Amino acid sequence: MTMNKILIIGNLGSDPEMRYTPSGSSVTSFTVATNRRYRTSDGENREETEWFRISAWNRLAETCNQYLQRGSKVYVEGRLQTRQWEDKEGQKRYTTEVRGDRVVLLG
């Protein structure tokens, strides 16, 4: 058995952007930031921010585009997916994003 599942609770870093694929499927992309606070061995308080790229498809994409905005607190459930493409110079590029299966607006 294998599993690829990720759960994120955080805030949108920018307004969602919706587009359509050539086949007519809607896809909405947005970023979510999570924060982690900790104390170093020297006693200094630190905070780290981790950014996640999220993509939602079809009906969920339309809902996210309609109701989410920069600063919204969300719960995202999905799976990690790595995509590959070639840039203008012919170099292979990769990106890893969360393919959202469930997005819940919190607060």
N, C-alpha and C. Protein backbone atom coordinates (compact mmCIF):
# COMPACT_ATOMS: atom_id res chain seq x y z
N MET A 1 0.84 -1.18 0.00
CA MET A 1 0.00 0.00 0.00
C MET A 1 0.89 1.24 0.00
N THR A 2 0.48 2.27 -0.73
CA THR A 2 1.18 3.55 -0.75
C THR A 2 0.17 4.67 -0.51
N MET A 3 0.68 5.82 -0.09
CA MET A 3 -0.20 6.96 0.16
C MET A 3 0.54 8.25 -0.16
N ASN A 4 -0.15 9.18 -0.76
CA ASN A 4 0.37 10.50 -1.05
C ASN A 4 -0.72 11.48 -0.61
N LYS A 5 -0.59 12.02 0.61
CA LYS A 5 -1.62 12.90 1.16
C LYS A 5 -0.94 14.01 1.97
N ILE A 6 -1.46 15.21 1.81
CA ILE A 6 -0.94 16.36 2.54
C ILE A 6 -2.10 17.18 3.06
N LEU A 7 -1.97 17.68 4.29
CA LEU A 7 -2.97 18.54 4.92
C LEU A 7 -2.28 19.84 5.29
N ILE A 8 -2.88 20.96 4.93
CA ILE A 8 -2.29 22.28 5.19
C ILE A 8 -3.37 23.20 5.75
N ILE A 9 -3.01 23.94 6.79
CA ILE A 9 -3.85 25.03 7.27
C ILE A 9 -2.98 26.27 7.24
N GLY A 10 -3.41 27.28 6.50
CA GLY A 10 -2.63 28.49 6.38
C GLY A 10 -3.43 29.60 5.74
N ASN A 11 -2.71 30.63 5.29
CA ASN A 11 -3.34 31.81 4.71
C ASN A 11 -2.90 32.00 3.26
N LEU A 12 -3.86 32.42 2.41
CA LEU A 12 -3.54 32.69 1.01
C LEU A 12 -2.59 33.87 0.91
N GLY A 13 -1.57 33.72 0.07
CA GLY A 13 -0.60 34.79 -0.12
C GLY A 13 -1.00 35.78 -1.19
N SER A 14 -1.92 35.38 -2.06
CA SER A 14 -2.40 36.28 -3.12
C SER A 14 -3.77 35.80 -3.56
N ASP A 15 -4.45 36.62 -4.33
CA ASP A 15 -5.76 36.21 -4.85
C ASP A 15 -5.59 35.02 -5.79
N PRO A 16 -6.56 34.11 -5.80
CA PRO A 16 -6.49 32.96 -6.71
C PRO A 16 -6.55 33.40 -8.17
N GLU A 17 -5.94 32.60 -9.05
CA GLU A 17 -5.97 32.87 -10.49
C GLU A 17 -6.58 31.66 -11.18
N MET A 18 -7.67 31.88 -11.91
CA MET A 18 -8.33 30.79 -12.61
C MET A 18 -8.05 30.88 -14.10
N ARG A 19 -7.86 29.71 -14.73
CA ARG A 19 -7.67 29.63 -16.16
C ARG A 19 -8.34 28.35 -16.65
N TYR A 20 -8.36 28.17 -17.95
CA TYR A 20 -8.99 26.99 -18.54
C TYR A 20 -7.97 26.25 -19.39
N THR A 21 -8.00 24.93 -19.32
CA THR A 21 -7.12 24.11 -20.16
C THR A 21 -7.70 24.07 -21.58
N PRO A 22 -6.92 23.64 -22.55
CA PRO A 22 -7.44 23.54 -23.92
C PRO A 22 -8.67 22.63 -24.02
N SER A 23 -8.79 21.66 -23.11
CA SER A 23 -9.96 20.76 -23.14
C SER A 23 -11.17 21.36 -22.43
N GLY A 24 -11.00 22.55 -21.83
CA GLY A 24 -12.12 23.23 -21.20
C GLY A 24 -12.24 23.06 -19.70
N SER A 25 -11.32 22.32 -19.07
CA SER A 25 -11.35 22.16 -17.61
C SER A 25 -10.86 23.44 -16.94
N SER A 26 -11.51 23.82 -15.85
CA SER A 26 -11.06 25.00 -15.11
C SER A 26 -10.04 24.57 -14.06
N VAL A 27 -9.04 25.42 -13.88
CA VAL A 27 -8.03 25.18 -12.85
C VAL A 27 -7.73 26.51 -12.17
N THR A 28 -7.74 26.50 -10.85
CA THR A 28 -7.43 27.69 -10.06
C THR A 28 -6.16 27.43 -9.28
N SER A 29 -5.22 28.38 -9.34
CA SER A 29 -3.95 28.27 -8.63
C SER A 29 -3.86 29.37 -7.58
N PHE A 30 -3.29 29.01 -6.44
CA PHE A 30 -3.04 29.99 -5.38
C PHE A 30 -1.94 29.46 -4.48
N THR A 31 -1.39 30.34 -3.65
CA THR A 31 -0.36 29.93 -2.71
C THR A 31 -0.90 30.05 -1.29
N VAL A 32 -0.42 29.15 -0.43
CA VAL A 32 -0.80 29.15 0.98
C VAL A 32 0.48 29.18 1.80
N ALA A 33 0.51 30.04 2.81
CA ALA A 33 1.66 30.15 3.71
C ALA A 33 1.32 29.53 5.06
N THR A 34 2.28 28.77 5.59
CA THR A 34 2.17 28.26 6.96
C THR A 34 3.34 28.81 7.75
N ASN A 35 3.15 28.98 9.05
CA ASN A 35 4.20 29.52 9.91
C ASN A 35 4.55 28.51 11.00
N ARG A 36 5.84 28.51 11.37
CA ARG A 36 6.31 27.67 12.45
C ARG A 36 7.17 28.54 13.37
N ARG A 37 6.81 28.55 14.63
CA ARG A 37 7.58 29.31 15.63
C ARG A 37 8.36 28.34 16.48
N TYR A 38 9.59 28.71 16.77
CA TYR A 38 10.44 27.86 17.61
C TYR A 38 11.49 28.70 18.32
N ARG A 39 12.15 28.08 19.27
CA ARG A 39 13.21 28.74 20.02
C ARG A 39 14.52 28.03 19.72
N THR A 40 15.55 28.80 19.38
CA THR A 40 16.85 28.22 19.06
C THR A 40 17.53 27.76 20.35
N SER A 41 18.64 27.04 20.21
CA SER A 41 19.39 26.58 21.38
C SER A 41 19.96 27.76 22.16
N ASP A 42 20.09 28.94 21.52
CA ASP A 42 20.56 30.16 22.19
C ASP A 42 19.43 30.91 22.89
N GLY A 43 18.21 30.39 22.80
CA GLY A 43 17.07 31.02 23.44
C GLY A 43 16.38 32.08 22.60
N GLU A 44 16.81 32.23 21.35
CA GLU A 44 16.22 33.23 20.46
C GLU A 44 14.94 32.67 19.82
N ASN A 45 13.88 33.49 19.82
CA ASN A 45 12.63 33.09 19.17
C ASN A 45 12.73 33.34 17.68
N ARG A 46 12.31 32.34 16.90
CA ARG A 46 12.36 32.47 15.45
C ARG A 46 11.03 32.03 14.86
N GLU A 47 10.78 32.51 13.64
CA GLU A 47 9.58 32.11 12.92
C GLU A 47 9.97 31.82 11.47
N GLU A 48 9.48 30.71 10.95
CA GLU A 48 9.72 30.33 9.57
C GLU A 48 8.40 30.27 8.82
N THR A 49 8.41 30.70 7.58
CA THR A 49 7.23 30.62 6.73
C THR A 49 7.52 29.66 5.59
N GLU A 50 6.61 28.74 5.37
CA GLU A 50 6.72 27.79 4.27
C GLU A 50 5.58 28.07 3.29
N TRP A 51 5.89 28.15 2.00
CA TRP A 51 4.90 28.45 0.98
C TRP A 51 4.57 27.20 0.18
N PHE A 52 3.30 27.01 -0.11
CA PHE A 52 2.82 25.87 -0.89
C PHE A 52 2.03 26.38 -2.09
N ARG A 53 2.31 25.82 -3.27
CA ARG A 53 1.51 26.10 -4.46
C ARG A 53 0.36 25.11 -4.48
N ILE A 54 -0.84 25.61 -4.66
CA ILE A 54 -2.04 24.77 -4.66
C ILE A 54 -2.72 24.90 -6.02
N SER A 55 -3.22 23.79 -6.55
CA SER A 55 -4.06 23.83 -7.75
C SER A 55 -5.34 23.07 -7.45
N ALA A 56 -6.45 23.66 -7.84
CA ALA A 56 -7.77 23.04 -7.68
C ALA A 56 -8.39 22.95 -9.06
N TRP A 57 -9.13 21.88 -9.31
CA TRP A 57 -9.65 21.63 -10.65
C TRP A 57 -11.16 21.58 -10.69
N ASN A 58 -11.70 21.90 -11.86
CA ASN A 58 -13.12 21.78 -12.19
C ASN A 58 -14.01 22.55 -11.22
N ARG A 59 -15.01 21.91 -10.62
CA ARG A 59 -15.97 22.62 -9.76
C ARG A 59 -15.27 23.24 -8.54
N LEU A 60 -14.31 22.52 -7.96
CA LEU A 60 -13.57 23.07 -6.82
C LEU A 60 -12.79 24.32 -7.24
N ALA A 61 -12.26 24.32 -8.46
CA ALA A 61 -11.54 25.48 -8.97
C ALA A 61 -12.44 26.70 -9.02
N GLU A 62 -13.65 26.51 -9.51
CA GLU A 62 -14.60 27.62 -9.61
C GLU A 62 -15.00 28.14 -8.24
N THR A 63 -15.21 27.23 -7.29
CA THR A 63 -15.56 27.63 -5.93
C THR A 63 -14.42 28.41 -5.28
N CYS A 64 -13.19 27.91 -5.42
CA CYS A 64 -12.03 28.61 -4.85
C CYS A 64 -11.88 30.00 -5.44
N ASN A 65 -12.04 30.11 -6.75
CA ASN A 65 -11.92 31.41 -7.41
C ASN A 65 -12.98 32.39 -6.93
N GLN A 66 -14.16 31.88 -6.64
CA GLN A 66 -15.27 32.74 -6.23
C GLN A 66 -15.15 33.21 -4.78
N TYR A 67 -14.71 32.33 -3.87
CA TYR A 67 -14.79 32.65 -2.44
C TYR A 67 -13.47 32.97 -1.76
N LEU A 68 -12.34 32.58 -2.34
CA LEU A 68 -11.06 32.83 -1.68
C LEU A 68 -10.47 34.15 -2.12
N GLN A 69 -9.69 34.75 -1.23
CA GLN A 69 -8.97 35.98 -1.55
C GLN A 69 -7.71 36.04 -0.70
N ARG A 70 -6.82 36.93 -1.06
CA ARG A 70 -5.57 37.08 -0.32
C ARG A 70 -5.88 37.24 1.17
N GLY A 71 -5.17 36.48 2.01
CA GLY A 71 -5.34 36.56 3.45
C GLY A 71 -6.34 35.55 4.01
N SER A 72 -7.16 34.93 3.15
CA SER A 72 -8.13 33.94 3.63
C SER A 72 -7.42 32.79 4.33
N LYS A 73 -7.96 32.36 5.46
CA LYS A 73 -7.44 31.19 6.16
C LYS A 73 -8.17 29.98 5.60
N VAL A 74 -7.38 28.97 5.16
CA VAL A 74 -7.96 27.79 4.51
C VAL A 74 -7.35 26.50 5.05
N TYR A 75 -8.14 25.45 4.91
CA TYR A 75 -7.69 24.08 5.13
C TYR A 75 -7.65 23.44 3.75
N VAL A 76 -6.51 22.88 3.38
CA VAL A 76 -6.35 22.25 2.07
C VAL A 76 -5.94 20.80 2.29
N GLU A 77 -6.64 19.91 1.63
CA GLU A 77 -6.31 18.49 1.67
C GLU A 77 -6.09 18.05 0.23
N GLY A 78 -5.01 17.32 -0.01
CA GLY A 78 -4.72 16.88 -1.36
C GLY A 78 -3.51 15.99 -1.43
N ARG A 79 -2.86 16.01 -2.59
CA ARG A 79 -1.67 15.18 -2.79
C ARG A 79 -0.59 16.00 -3.47
N LEU A 80 0.66 15.62 -3.24
CA LEU A 80 1.78 16.29 -3.90
C LEU A 80 1.91 15.77 -5.32
N GLN A 81 2.18 16.70 -6.23
CA GLN A 81 2.33 16.34 -7.63
C GLN A 81 3.48 17.15 -8.21
N THR A 82 4.38 16.50 -8.93
CA THR A 82 5.49 17.18 -9.58
C THR A 82 5.23 17.23 -11.07
N ARG A 83 5.34 18.43 -11.64
CA ARG A 83 5.15 18.63 -13.08
C ARG A 83 6.49 19.00 -13.71
N GLN A 84 6.64 18.67 -14.99
CA GLN A 84 7.85 18.98 -15.74
C GLN A 84 7.48 19.72 -17.02
N TRP A 85 8.31 20.68 -17.41
CA TRP A 85 8.12 21.38 -18.67
C TRP A 85 9.46 21.90 -19.15
N GLU A 86 9.50 22.39 -20.37
CA GLU A 86 10.72 22.99 -20.92
C GLU A 86 10.54 24.49 -20.99
N ASP A 87 11.57 25.22 -20.54
CA ASP A 87 11.51 26.68 -20.61
C ASP A 87 11.90 27.14 -22.01
N LYS A 88 11.97 28.47 -22.20
CA LYS A 88 12.25 29.04 -23.52
C LYS A 88 13.61 28.64 -24.08
N GLU A 89 14.55 28.33 -23.18
CA GLU A 89 15.90 27.94 -23.60
C GLU A 89 16.02 26.42 -23.79
N GLY A 90 14.92 25.69 -23.62
CA GLY A 90 14.94 24.24 -23.80
C GLY A 90 15.37 23.46 -22.57
N GLN A 91 15.54 24.15 -21.44
CA GLN A 91 15.93 23.49 -20.20
C GLN A 91 14.73 22.86 -19.53
N LYS A 92 14.91 21.66 -18.97
CA LYS A 92 13.82 21.01 -18.24
C LYS A 92 13.65 21.70 -16.89
N ARG A 93 12.42 22.01 -16.57
CA ARG A 93 12.08 22.65 -15.29
C ARG A 93 11.06 21.76 -14.58
N TYR A 94 11.08 21.84 -13.25
CA TYR A 94 10.17 21.04 -12.44
C TYR A 94 9.54 21.93 -11.37
N THR A 95 8.33 21.60 -10.99
CA THR A 95 7.69 22.25 -9.85
C THR A 95 6.85 21.21 -9.12
N THR A 96 6.84 21.31 -7.81
CA THR A 96 6.01 20.43 -6.99
C THR A 96 4.92 21.28 -6.39
N GLU A 97 3.69 20.81 -6.51
CA GLU A 97 2.55 21.56 -5.98
C GLU A 97 1.60 20.59 -5.31
N VAL A 98 0.64 21.16 -4.59
CA VAL A 98 -0.41 20.38 -3.97
C VAL A 98 -1.62 20.39 -4.90
N ARG A 99 -2.06 19.23 -5.30
CA ARG A 99 -3.28 19.10 -6.10
C ARG A 99 -4.41 18.97 -5.10
N GLY A 100 -5.12 20.06 -4.87
CA GLY A 100 -6.16 20.11 -3.84
C GLY A 100 -7.38 19.30 -4.21
N ASP A 101 -7.78 18.40 -3.30
CA ASP A 101 -9.02 17.63 -3.45
C ASP A 101 -10.14 18.23 -2.61
N ARG A 102 -9.73 18.92 -1.56
CA ARG A 102 -10.71 19.52 -0.64
C ARG A 102 -10.13 20.83 -0.13
N VAL A 103 -10.90 21.89 -0.22
CA VAL A 103 -10.49 23.21 0.27
C VAL A 103 -11.64 23.75 1.11
N VAL A 104 -11.34 24.11 2.37
CA VAL A 104 -12.37 24.62 3.27
C VAL A 104 -11.94 26.01 3.74
N LEU A 105 -12.82 26.99 3.58
CA LEU A 105 -12.57 28.34 4.08
C LEU A 105 -12.80 28.33 5.58
N LEU A 106 -11.79 28.76 6.34
CA LEU A 106 -11.88 28.79 7.80
C LEU A 106 -12.11 30.22 8.27
N GLY A 107 -12.83 30.37 9.36
CA GLY A 107 -13.05 31.69 9.95
C GLY A 107 -14.07 32.46 9.22
